[in-house]
C-alpha atoms as a PDB file:
ATOM      1  CA  MET A   1      10.930  -9.525   3.445  1.00  0.00           C
ATOM      2  CA  ARG A   2       9.697 -13.072   3.875  1.00  0.00           C
ATOM      3  CA  THR A   3       7.845 -14.100   6.996  1.00  0.00           C
ATOM      4  CA  THR A   4       7.105 -17.514   8.417  1.00  0.00           C
ATOM      5  CA  SER A   5       3.845 -16.878  10.230  1.00  0.00           C
ATOM      6  CA  ARG A   6       1.161 -14.225  10.243  1.00  0.00           C
ATOM      7  CA  ARG A   7       1.136 -13.594  13.958  1.00  0.00           C
ATOM      8  CA  GLY A   8       4.502 -14.869  15.116  1.00  0.00           C
ATOM      9  CA  LEU A   9       7.198 -12.618  16.516  1.00  0.00           C
ATOM     10  CA  LEU A  10       9.253 -11.834  13.448  1.00  0.00           C
ATOM     11  CA  SER A  11      12.867 -10.881  13.943  1.00  0.00           C
ATOM     12  CA  LEU A  12      14.203 -10.923  10.417  1.00  0.00           C
ATOM     13  CA  ALA A  13      16.809  -8.689   8.842  1.00  0.00           C
ATOM     14  CA  ALA A  14      16.099  -4.996   8.241  1.00  0.00           C
ATOM     15  CA  LEU A  15      14.312  -4.147   5.041  1.00  0.00           C
ATOM     16  CA  CYS A  16      17.290  -2.524   3.380  1.00  0.00           C
ATOM     17  CA  GLY A  17      19.385  -5.700   3.515  1.00  0.00           C
ATOM     18  CA  VAL A  18      20.087  -7.688   0.386  1.00  0.00           C
ATOM     19  CA  ALA A  19      19.155 -11.344   0.656  1.00  0.00           C
ATOM     20  CA  GLY A  20      19.261 -13.924  -2.083  1.00  0.00           C
ATOM     21  CA  PHE A  21      19.363 -13.390  -5.821  1.00  0.00           C
ATOM     22  CA  VAL A  22      16.268 -13.791  -7.984  1.00  0.00           C
ATOM     23  CA  THR A  23      16.804 -15.036 -11.513  1.00  0.00           C
ATOM     24  CA  ALA A  24      14.521 -15.510 -14.471  1.00  0.00           C
ATOM     25  CA  GLY A  25      14.780 -16.398 -18.106  1.00  0.00           C
ATOM     26  CA  ALA A  26      15.554 -13.879 -20.776  1.00  0.00           C
ATOM     27  CA  GLY A  27      12.956 -12.397 -23.055  1.00  0.00           C
ATOM     28  CA  VAL A  28      10.332  -9.674 -22.993  1.00  0.00           C
ATOM     29  CA  VAL A  29       6.894  -9.860 -21.433  1.00  0.00           C
ATOM     30  CA  THR A  30       4.297  -7.259 -22.408  1.00  0.00           C
ATOM     31  CA  LEU A  31       1.473  -6.762 -19.962  1.00  0.00           C
ATOM     32  CA  ARG A  32      -1.959  -7.246 -21.473  1.00  0.00           C
ATOM     33  CA  SER A  33      -5.260  -6.420 -19.877  1.00  0.00           C
ATOM     34  CA  GLY A  34      -7.714  -9.299 -19.868  1.00  0.00           C
ATOM     35  CA  GLN A  35     -10.614  -6.862 -19.845  1.00  0.00           C
ATOM     36  CA  PRO A  36     -11.053  -3.127 -20.148  1.00  0.00           C
ATOM     37  CA  ALA A  37     -11.156  -1.157 -16.936  1.00  0.00           C
ATOM     38  CA  GLY A  38     -14.722  -0.884 -15.759  1.00  0.00           C
ATOM     39  CA  ALA A  39     -16.337   1.553 -13.388  1.00  0.00           C
ATOM     40  CA  SER A  40     -13.996   0.337 -10.688  1.00  0.00           C
ATOM     41  CA  GLY A  41     -10.905   1.029 -12.787  1.00  0.00           C
ATOM     42  CA  PRO A  42      -7.970  -1.412 -13.055  1.00  0.00           C
ATOM     43  CA  GLY A  43      -8.245  -4.474 -10.887  1.00  0.00           C
ATOM     44  CA  GLY A  44     -11.506  -5.969 -12.048  1.00  0.00           C
ATOM     45  CA  ALA A  45     -13.695  -5.864  -8.918  1.00  0.00           C
ATOM     46  CA  ARG A  46     -16.728  -3.609  -8.893  1.00  0.00           C
ATOM     47  CA  ALA A  47     -17.974  -2.024  -5.715  1.00  0.00           C
ATOM     48  CA  SER A  48     -21.668  -1.874  -6.494  1.00  0.00           C
ATOM     49  CA  ALA A  49     -24.111  -2.155  -9.339  1.00  0.00           C
ATOM     50  CA  SER A  50     -26.286   0.637  -7.958  1.00  0.00           C
ATOM     51  CA  PRO A  51     -25.508   4.263  -7.093  1.00  0.00           C
ATOM     52  CA  THR A  52     -24.477   4.877  -3.512  1.00  0.00           C
ATOM     53  CA  PRO A  53     -25.149   8.202  -1.811  1.00  0.00           C
ATOM     54  CA  SER A  54     -22.050   9.995  -0.598  1.00  0.00           C
ATOM     55  CA  PRO A  55     -21.591  10.101   3.178  1.00  0.00           C
ATOM     56  CA  THR A  56     -22.943  13.335   4.618  1.00  0.00           C
ATOM     57  CA  PRO A  57     -20.478  15.987   5.792  1.00  0.00           C
ATOM     58  CA  ASP A  58     -21.643  15.256   9.337  1.00  0.00           C
ATOM     59  CA  LEU A  59     -20.776  11.569   9.010  1.00  0.00           C
ATOM     60  CA  VAL A  60     -17.323  12.355   7.620  1.00  0.00           C
ATOM     61  CA  ALA A  61     -16.720  14.880  10.414  1.00  0.00           C
ATOM     62  CA  GLU A  62     -17.814  12.349  13.021  1.00  0.00           C
ATOM     63  CA  ALA A  63     -15.594   9.675  11.495  1.00  0.00           C
ATOM     64  CA  LYS A  64     -12.625  12.029  11.492  1.00  0.00           C
ATOM     65  CA  ALA A  65     -13.265  12.991  15.116  1.00  0.00           C
ATOM     66  CA  GLU A  66     -13.421   9.316  16.105  1.00  0.00           C
ATOM     67  CA  LEU A  67     -10.132   8.618  14.341  1.00  0.00           C
ATOM     68  CA  GLU A  68      -8.511  11.652  15.923  1.00  0.00           C
ATOM     69  CA  ARG A  69      -9.509  10.336  19.355  1.00  0.00           C
ATOM     70  CA  PHE A  70      -8.057   6.962  18.437  1.00  0.00           C
ATOM     71  CA  VAL A  71      -4.758   8.516  17.315  1.00  0.00           C
ATOM     72  CA  ARG A  72      -4.481  10.648  20.463  1.00  0.00           C
ATOM     73  CA  ALA A  73      -5.202   7.627  22.643  1.00  0.00           C
ATOM     74  CA  ASN A  74      -2.259   5.880  21.016  1.00  0.00           C
ATOM     75  CA  GLY A  75       0.250   8.671  21.474  1.00  0.00           C
ATOM     76  CA  GLY A  76       0.018  10.132  17.991  1.00  0.00           C
ATOM     77  CA  ARG A  77       2.300   7.438  16.565  1.00  0.00           C
ATOM     78  CA  ILE A  78      -0.217   6.337  13.974  1.00  0.00           C
ATOM     79  CA  SER A  79      -1.707   8.039  10.926  1.00  0.00           C
ATOM     80  CA  VAL A  80      -4.661   7.035   8.756  1.00  0.00           C
ATOM     81  CA  ALA A  81      -5.958   8.190   5.379  1.00  0.00           C
ATOM     82  CA  LEU A  82      -8.756   6.810   3.231  1.00  0.00           C
ATOM     83  CA  HIS A  83     -10.707   7.569   0.082  1.00  0.00           C
ATOM     84  CA  ASP A  84     -13.875   5.982  -1.276  1.00  0.00           C
ATOM     85  CA  ARG A  85     -13.716   5.822  -5.067  1.00  0.00           C
ATOM     86  CA  VAL A  86     -17.475   5.289  -5.296  1.00  0.00           C
ATOM     87  CA  THR A  87     -18.730   8.218  -3.229  1.00  0.00           C
ATOM     88  CA  GLY A  88     -15.664  10.466  -3.382  1.00  0.00           C
ATOM     89  CA  ALA A  89     -15.602  10.801   0.410  1.00  0.00           C
ATOM     90  CA  GLY A  90     -12.289  10.731   2.215  1.00  0.00           C
ATOM     91  CA  LEU A  91     -10.319  11.894   5.200  1.00  0.00           C
ATOM     92  CA  ALA A  92      -6.827  11.922   6.670  1.00  0.00           C
ATOM     93  CA  VAL A  93      -5.825  11.984  10.324  1.00  0.00           C
ATOM     94  CA  GLY A  94      -2.228  12.589  11.306  1.00  0.00           C
ATOM     95  CA  THR A  95       0.447  14.368   9.307  1.00  0.00           C
ATOM     96  CA  ARG A  96       3.574  12.673  10.675  1.00  0.00           C
ATOM     97  CA  GLN A  97       6.082  11.330   8.222  1.00  0.00           C
ATOM     98  CA  PHE A  98       6.944   7.670   8.696  1.00  0.00           C
ATOM     99  CA  ARG A  99       9.543   5.359   7.252  1.00  0.00           C
ATOM    100  CA  THR A 100       7.888   3.377   4.512  1.00  0.00           C
ATOM    101  CA  ALA A 101       9.565   0.034   5.153  1.00  0.00           C
ATOM    102  CA  SER A 102       8.268  -2.357   2.468  1.00  0.00           C
ATOM    103  CA  ILE A 103       5.163  -0.457   1.401  1.00  0.00           C
ATOM    104  CA  VAL A 104       7.528   1.517  -0.843  1.00  0.00           C
ATOM    105  CA  LYS A 105       7.732  -1.586  -3.032  1.00  0.00           C
ATOM    106  CA  VAL A 106       4.370  -0.683  -4.583  1.00  0.00           C
ATOM    107  CA  ASP A 107       5.807   2.744  -5.373  1.00  0.00           C
ATOM    108  CA  ILE A 108       8.928   1.200  -6.915  1.00  0.00           C
ATOM    109  CA  LEU A 109       6.846  -1.076  -9.135  1.00  0.00           C
ATOM    110  CA  ALA A 110       4.579   1.777 -10.209  1.00  0.00           C
ATOM    111  CA  ALA A 111       7.671   3.850 -11.068  1.00  0.00           C
ATOM    112  CA  LEU A 112       9.063   0.967 -13.115  1.00  0.00           C
ATOM    113  CA  LEU A 113       5.845   0.749 -15.137  1.00  0.00           C
ATOM    114  CA  LEU A 114       5.417   4.495 -15.529  1.00  0.00           C
ATOM    115  CA  GLU A 115       7.725   4.840 -18.516  1.00  0.00           C
ATOM    116  CA  ASP A 116       7.014   1.505 -20.172  1.00  0.00           C
ATOM    117  CA  ASP A 117       4.543  -1.248 -19.329  1.00  0.00           C
ATOM    118  CA  THR A 118       6.666  -3.786 -21.220  1.00  0.00           C
ATOM    119  CA  LEU A 119       8.708  -5.801 -18.747  1.00  0.00           C
ATOM    120  CA  THR A 120      11.427  -8.339 -19.366  1.00  0.00           C
ATOM    121  CA  ALA A 121      10.784 -11.787 -17.960  1.00  0.00           C
ATOM    122  CA  THR A 122      13.385 -11.060 -15.277  1.00  0.00           C
ATOM    123  CA  GLN A 123      11.702  -7.793 -14.296  1.00  0.00           C
ATOM    124  CA  ARG A 124       8.319  -9.489 -14.126  1.00  0.00           C
ATOM    125  CA  THR A 125       9.725 -12.184 -11.833  1.00  0.00           C
ATOM    126  CA  LEU A 126      11.450  -9.607  -9.646  1.00  0.00           C
ATOM    127  CA  ALA A 127       8.244  -7.572  -9.392  1.00  0.00           C
ATOM    128  CA  THR A 128       6.275 -10.654  -8.386  1.00  0.00           C
ATOM    129  CA  GLU A 129       8.803 -11.583  -5.700  1.00  0.00           C
ATOM    130  CA  MET A 130       8.988  -7.989  -4.463  1.00  0.00           C
ATOM    131  CA  ILE A 131       5.247  -7.648  -3.903  1.00  0.00           C
ATOM    132  CA  THR A 132       3.936 -11.132  -3.130  1.00  0.00           C
ATOM    133  CA  VAL A 133       6.659 -12.246  -0.689  1.00  0.00           C
ATOM    134  CA  SER A 134       8.249  -8.818  -0.058  1.00  0.00           C
ATOM    135  CA  ASP A 135      11.665  -9.901  -1.334  1.00  0.00           C
ATOM    136  CA  ASN A 136      14.295  -7.262  -0.559  1.00  0.00           C
ATOM    137  CA  ASP A 137      16.877  -8.206  -3.165  1.00  0.00           C
ATOM    138  CA  ALA A 138      14.231  -7.894  -5.864  1.00  0.00           C
ATOM    139  CA  ALA A 139      13.299  -4.452  -4.547  1.00  0.00           C
ATOM    140  CA  SER A 140      16.927  -3.315  -4.530  1.00  0.00           C
ATOM    141  CA  ARG A 141      17.428  -4.395  -8.131  1.00  0.00           C
ATOM    142  CA  LEU A 142      14.253  -2.702  -9.364  1.00  0.00           C
ATOM    143  CA  PHE A 143      14.995   0.423  -7.318  1.00  0.00           C
ATOM    144  CA  ARG A 144      18.249   0.744  -9.226  1.00  0.00           C
ATOM    145  CA  THR A 145      16.403   0.131 -12.501  1.00  0.00           C
ATOM    146  CA  VAL A 146      14.009   3.044 -11.925  1.00  0.00           C
ATOM    147  CA  GLY A 147      16.935   5.378 -11.250  1.00  0.00           C
ATOM    148  CA  GLY A 148      17.185   5.224  -7.478  1.00  0.00           C
ATOM    149  CA  VAL A 149      16.300   8.318  -5.484  1.00  0.00           C
ATOM    150  CA  ALA A 150      15.995  10.660  -8.455  1.00  0.00           C
ATOM    151  CA  GLY A 151      13.897   8.225 -10.451  1.00  0.00           C
ATOM    152  CA  LEU A 152      11.488   7.468  -7.629  1.00  0.00           C
ATOM    153  CA  ASN A 153      11.058  11.128  -6.725  1.00  0.00           C
ATOM    154  CA  ARG A 154      10.397  11.938 -10.380  1.00  0.00           C
ATOM    155  CA  ALA A 155       7.756   9.212 -10.595  1.00  0.00           C
ATOM    156  CA  ASN A 156       6.137  10.381  -7.371  1.00  0.00           C
ATOM    157  CA  THR A 157       5.636  13.810  -8.873  1.00  0.00           C
ATOM    158  CA  ALA A 158       3.724  12.162 -11.716  1.00  0.00           C
ATOM    159  CA  PHE A 159       1.641  10.250  -9.160  1.00  0.00           C
ATOM    160  CA  GLY A 160       0.656  13.490  -7.420  1.00  0.00           C
ATOM    161  CA  MET A 161       2.517  12.634  -4.221  1.00  0.00           C
ATOM    162  CA  LYS A 162       3.540  15.661  -2.180  1.00  0.00           C
ATOM    163  CA  GLU A 163       5.033  14.348   1.057  1.00  0.00           C
ATOM    164  CA  THR A 164       7.214  11.385   0.085  1.00  0.00           C
ATOM    165  CA  ARG A 165      10.994  11.606  -0.042  1.00  0.00           C
ATOM    166  CA  ALA A 166      12.964   8.721  -1.479  1.00  0.00           C
ATOM    167  CA  ASN A 167      16.103   7.504   0.274  1.00  0.00           C
ATOM    168  CA  SER A 168      19.021   5.588  -1.195  1.00  0.00           C
ATOM    169  CA  ALA A 169      18.199   2.953   1.415  1.00  0.00           C
ATOM    170  CA  TRP A 170      14.732   2.504  -0.073  1.00  0.00           C
ATOM    171  CA  GLY A 171      13.115   1.233   3.138  1.00  0.00           C
ATOM    172  CA  VAL A 172      14.005   4.502   4.860  1.00  0.00           C
ATOM    173  CA  THR A 173      11.995   6.522   2.337  1.00  0.00           C
ATOM    174  CA  THR A 174       9.622   8.764   4.288  1.00  0.00           C
ATOM    175  CA  THR A 175       5.956   9.291   3.518  1.00  0.00           C
ATOM    176  CA  THR A 176       2.551  10.159   4.946  1.00  0.00           C
ATOM    177  CA  ALA A 177      -0.689   8.209   4.997  1.00  0.00           C
ATOM    178  CA  ALA A 178      -2.284  10.847   2.767  1.00  0.00           C
ATOM    179  CA  ASP A 179       0.470  10.458   0.181  1.00  0.00           C
ATOM    180  CA  GLN A 180       0.057   6.686   0.134  1.00  0.00           C
ATOM    181  CA  VAL A 181      -3.619   7.138  -0.668  1.00  0.00           C
ATOM    182  CA  ARG A 182      -2.614   9.542  -3.453  1.00  0.00           C
ATOM    183  CA  LEU A 183      -0.418   6.783  -4.864  1.00  0.00           C
ATOM    184  CA  LEU A 184      -3.239   4.234  -4.669  1.00  0.00           C
ATOM    185  CA  ARG A 185      -5.638   6.674  -6.326  1.00  0.00           C
ATOM    186  CA  SER A 186      -3.147   7.264  -9.121  1.00  0.00           C
ATOM    187  CA  ILE A 187      -2.769   3.509  -9.688  1.00  0.00           C
ATOM    188  CA  CYS A 188      -6.515   2.795  -9.580  1.00  0.00           C
ATOM    189  CA  ASP A 189      -7.561   5.749 -11.737  1.00  0.00           C
ATOM    190  CA  GLY A 190      -8.237   4.494 -15.244  1.00  0.00           C
ATOM    191  CA  LYS A 191      -7.127   7.909 -16.522  1.00  0.00           C
ATOM    192  CA  GLY A 192      -4.021   8.076 -14.316  1.00  0.00           C
ATOM    193  CA  PRO A 193      -0.379   8.083 -15.424  1.00  0.00           C
ATOM    194  CA  LEU A 194      -0.137   4.283 -15.565  1.00  0.00           C
ATOM    195  CA  SER A 195      -1.579   2.373 -18.493  1.00  0.00           C
ATOM    196  CA  ALA A 196      -4.530   0.125 -17.694  1.00  0.00           C
ATOM    197  CA  PRO A 197      -2.447  -3.053 -18.160  1.00  0.00           C
ATOM    198  CA  ALA A 198       0.298  -1.678 -15.895  1.00  0.00           C
ATOM    199  CA  ALA A 199      -2.153  -0.724 -13.167  1.00  0.00           C
ATOM    200  CA  LYS A 200      -3.832  -4.111 -13.432  1.00  0.00           C
ATOM    201  CA  PHE A 201      -0.452  -5.807 -13.005  1.00  0.00           C
ATOM    202  CA  VAL A 202       0.315  -3.867  -9.813  1.00  0.00           C
ATOM    203  CA  LEU A 203      -3.117  -4.529  -8.348  1.00  0.00           C
ATOM    204  CA  GLY A 204      -3.003  -8.158  -9.405  1.00  0.00           C
ATOM    205  CA  LEU A 205       0.173  -8.741  -7.429  1.00  0.00           C
ATOM    206  CA  MET A 206      -1.383  -7.030  -4.388  1.00  0.00           C
ATOM    207  CA  THR A 207      -4.099  -9.710  -4.428  1.00  0.00           C
ATOM    208  CA  GLU A 208      -1.467 -12.469  -4.472  1.00  0.00           C
ATOM    209  CA  VAL A 209       0.476 -11.479  -1.351  1.00  0.00           C
ATOM    210  CA  VAL A 210       1.223 -14.618   0.660  1.00  0.00           C
ATOM    211  CA  GLU A 211      -1.228 -15.397   3.445  1.00  0.00           C
ATOM    212  CA  GLU A 212       1.173 -14.717   6.323  1.00  0.00           C
ATOM    213  CA  GLN A 213       1.606 -11.148   5.054  1.00  0.00           C
ATOM    214  CA  ARG A 214      -2.085 -10.432   4.473  1.00  0.00           C
ATOM    215  CA  TRP A 215      -2.637  -8.537   7.711  1.00  0.00           C
ATOM    216  CA  GLY A 216      -3.448  -4.864   8.197  1.00  0.00           C
ATOM    217  CA  VAL A 217      -5.953  -3.409   5.727  1.00  0.00           C
ATOM    218  CA  PRO A 218      -7.653  -6.796   5.015  1.00  0.00           C
ATOM    219  CA  ALA A 219      -8.767  -6.952   8.668  1.00  0.00           C
ATOM    220  CA  ALA A 220     -11.268  -4.167   7.892  1.00  0.00           C
ATOM    221  CA  ALA A 221     -12.884  -6.048   4.996  1.00  0.00           C
ATOM    222  CA  PRO A 222     -16.429  -7.363   5.505  1.00  0.00           C
ATOM    223  CA  ALA A 223     -17.216 -11.017   4.856  1.00  0.00           C
ATOM    224  CA  GLY A 224     -18.902 -10.077   1.579  1.00  0.00           C
ATOM    225  CA  ALA A 225     -16.038  -7.971   0.201  1.00  0.00           C
ATOM    226  CA  SER A 226     -15.687  -8.398  -3.552  1.00  0.00           C
ATOM    227  CA  GLY A 227     -11.965  -7.627  -3.562  1.00  0.00           C
ATOM    228  CA  VAL A 228      -9.049  -7.078  -1.165  1.00  0.00           C
ATOM    229  CA  TRP A 229      -5.584  -5.771  -2.058  1.00  0.00           C
ATOM    230  CA  VAL A 230      -2.686  -5.192   0.350  1.00  0.00           C
ATOM    231  CA  LYS A 231       1.019  -4.447   0.773  1.00  0.00           C
ATOM    232  CA  ASN A 232       2.575  -4.189   4.205  1.00  0.00           C
ATOM    233  CA  GLY A 233       5.832  -2.916   5.645  1.00  0.00           C
ATOM    234  CA  TRP A 234       7.500  -3.762   8.956  1.00  0.00           C
ATOM    235  CA  VAL A 235      10.973  -3.214  10.389  1.00  0.00           C
ATOM    236  CA  PRO A 236      12.669  -2.559  13.755  1.00  0.00           C
ATOM    237  CA  VAL A 237      14.450   0.805  13.794  1.00  0.00           C
ATOM    238  CA  SER A 238      17.812   0.926  15.549  1.00  0.00           C
ATOM    239  CA  ALA A 239      17.556   4.713  15.947  1.00  0.00           C
ATOM    240  CA  ASP A 240      14.325   4.156  17.902  1.00  0.00           C
ATOM    241  CA  ASP A 241      15.667   1.542  20.341  1.00  0.00           C
ATOM    242  CA  ASN A 242      14.750  -1.215  17.892  1.00  0.00           C
ATOM    243  CA  LEU A 243      11.054  -0.388  18.162  1.00  0.00           C
ATOM    244  CA  TRP A 244       8.961  -1.337  15.162  1.00  0.00           C
ATOM    245  CA  VAL A 245       7.569   0.496  12.166  1.00  0.00           C
ATOM    246  CA  VAL A 246       4.398  -1.279  10.990  1.00  0.00           C
ATOM    247  CA  ASN A 247       2.513   0.002   7.913  1.00  0.00           C
ATOM    248  CA  SER A 248      -0.311  -1.262   5.717  1.00  0.00           C
ATOM    249  CA  ILE A 249      -1.753   0.073   2.472  1.00  0.00           C
ATOM    250  CA  GLY A 250      -4.479  -1.433   0.336  1.00  0.00           C
ATOM    251  CA  ARG A 251      -7.909  -1.465  -1.213  1.00  0.00           C
ATOM    252  CA  ILE A 252     -11.244  -3.037  -0.288  1.00  0.00           C
ATOM    253  CA  THR A 253     -14.245  -3.223  -2.595  1.00  0.00           C
ATOM    254  CA  GLU A 254     -17.624  -4.030  -1.095  1.00  0.00           C
ATOM    255  CA  GLU A 255     -21.266  -3.236  -1.751  1.00  0.00           C
ATOM    256  CA  GLY A 256     -21.456   0.510  -2.363  1.00  0.00           C
ATOM    257  CA  HIS A 257     -17.797   1.281  -1.645  1.00  0.00           C
ATOM    258  CA  ASP A 258     -14.308   1.091  -3.137  1.00  0.00           C
ATOM    259  CA  TRP A 259     -12.002   2.001  -0.278  1.00  0.00           C
ATOM    260  CA  LEU A 260      -8.349   3.016  -0.604  1.00  0.00           C
ATOM    261  CA  LEU A 261      -6.727   2.934   2.814  1.00  0.00           C
ATOM    262  CA  ALA A 262      -3.318   3.635   4.339  1.00  0.00           C
ATOM    263  CA  VAL A 263      -2.348   3.119   7.983  1.00  0.00           C
ATOM    264  CA  LEU A 264       1.185   4.080   9.039  1.00  0.00           C
ATOM    265  CA  SER A 265       2.647   3.663  12.519  1.00  0.00           C
ATOM    266  CA  ASP A 266       5.849   3.303  14.521  1.00  0.00           C
ATOM    267  CA  HIS A 267       7.336   3.040  18.023  1.00  0.00           C
ATOM    268  CA  HIS A 268       5.901  -0.426  18.713  1.00  0.00           C
ATOM    269  CA  ALA A 269       7.517  -2.758  21.246  1.00  0.00           C
ATOM    270  CA  THR A 270       6.898  -5.708  18.908  1.00  0.00           C
ATOM    271  CA  GLN A 271       5.709  -6.282  15.382  1.00  0.00           C
ATOM    272  CA  GLU A 272       2.710  -8.108  16.792  1.00  0.00           C
ATOM    273  CA  LYS A 273       1.622  -5.047  18.784  1.00  0.00           C
ATOM    274  CA  GLY A 274       2.048  -2.899  15.696  1.00  0.00           C
ATOM    275  CA  ILE A 275      -0.109  -5.210  13.586  1.00  0.00           C
ATOM    276  CA  GLU A 276      -2.805  -5.204  16.252  1.00  0.00           C
ATOM    277  CA  LEU A 277      -2.913  -1.409  16.364  1.00  0.00           C
ATOM    278  CA  VAL A 278      -2.873  -1.026  12.577  1.00  0.00           C
ATOM    279  CA  GLU A 279      -5.767  -3.446  12.216  1.00  0.00           C
ATOM    280  CA  ARG A 280      -7.757  -1.700  14.919  1.00  0.00           C
ATOM    281  CA  ALA A 281      -7.172   1.636  13.184  1.00  0.00           C
ATOM    282  CA  ALA A 282      -8.292   0.221   9.829  1.00  0.00           C
ATOM    283  CA  GLY A 283     -11.455  -1.106  11.452  1.00  0.00           C
ATOM    284  CA  VAL A 284     -12.216   2.193  13.147  1.00  0.00           C
ATOM    285  CA  ALA A 285     -11.624   4.109   9.919  1.00  0.00           C
ATOM    286  CA  LEU A 286     -13.909   2.074   7.692  1.00  0.00           C
ATOM    287  CA  GLY A 287     -16.429   1.281  10.395  1.00  0.00           C
ATOM    288  CA  SER A 288     -16.956   4.950  11.182  1.00  0.00           C
ATOM    289  CA  MET A 289     -17.206   5.901   7.507  1.00  0.00           C
ATOM    290  CA  ARG A 290     -19.758   3.174   6.864  1.00  0.00           C
ATOM    291  CA  GLY A 291     -21.841   4.794   9.588  1.00  0.00           C
END
């Protein structure tokens, strides 16, 4: 879905609609990695040149307790999961299943690349539109290419996801914050099911998301962050009185840390209120884990 401003009240069509038709020239494009995956895995940014001690169990417990208080204070309609690829520390708060909205587009692209990291020029263009401007028609076409519900569920098994159920209306796919972090871990793991060039392609597009859609996870990045990746999802749900689902998944690399973070939420009066809550949750999550 395209947006016109980062903070404006967005009242665009639901995510499952088909809008426009993306075209590209014929031919085949093979993804090539510009450099081998380093200690940070695909994506290029390194978290730190020096070892970082893992957060103590007490710090993780305190961070989880703080997040649990935050979730309770907001009616339980938000869930957070994170993992630090440097220290191995992680946590998840909230087990509710949420509609994915457009965050499923990362999953669709990963599924497309799972079998073959050679894309046609058209597929490469569709993937770029799907991630960087959240184009729905591109997502619908690639969802069909990966085999729809059966194909996405099959790919999710390979990605180690346990709580995600694809839907023929792809934006209504359900998932948990913990499962979204599992997907991010699978993509970022240099020994995961995706080839290094394929993973680098996915992560590369997540750094090129248009500015007006770079809310959510990036709000938790410090000024000195060495890398920020994001994909967001947002949609009003008619079955919930047109209240909003607002989700954000992404990655932040900074000195001593390589965070994978997912914040899922729903039941918001406006998209703006949902974005505000998601960003607050991301800040609480990483701030508490940084100690």
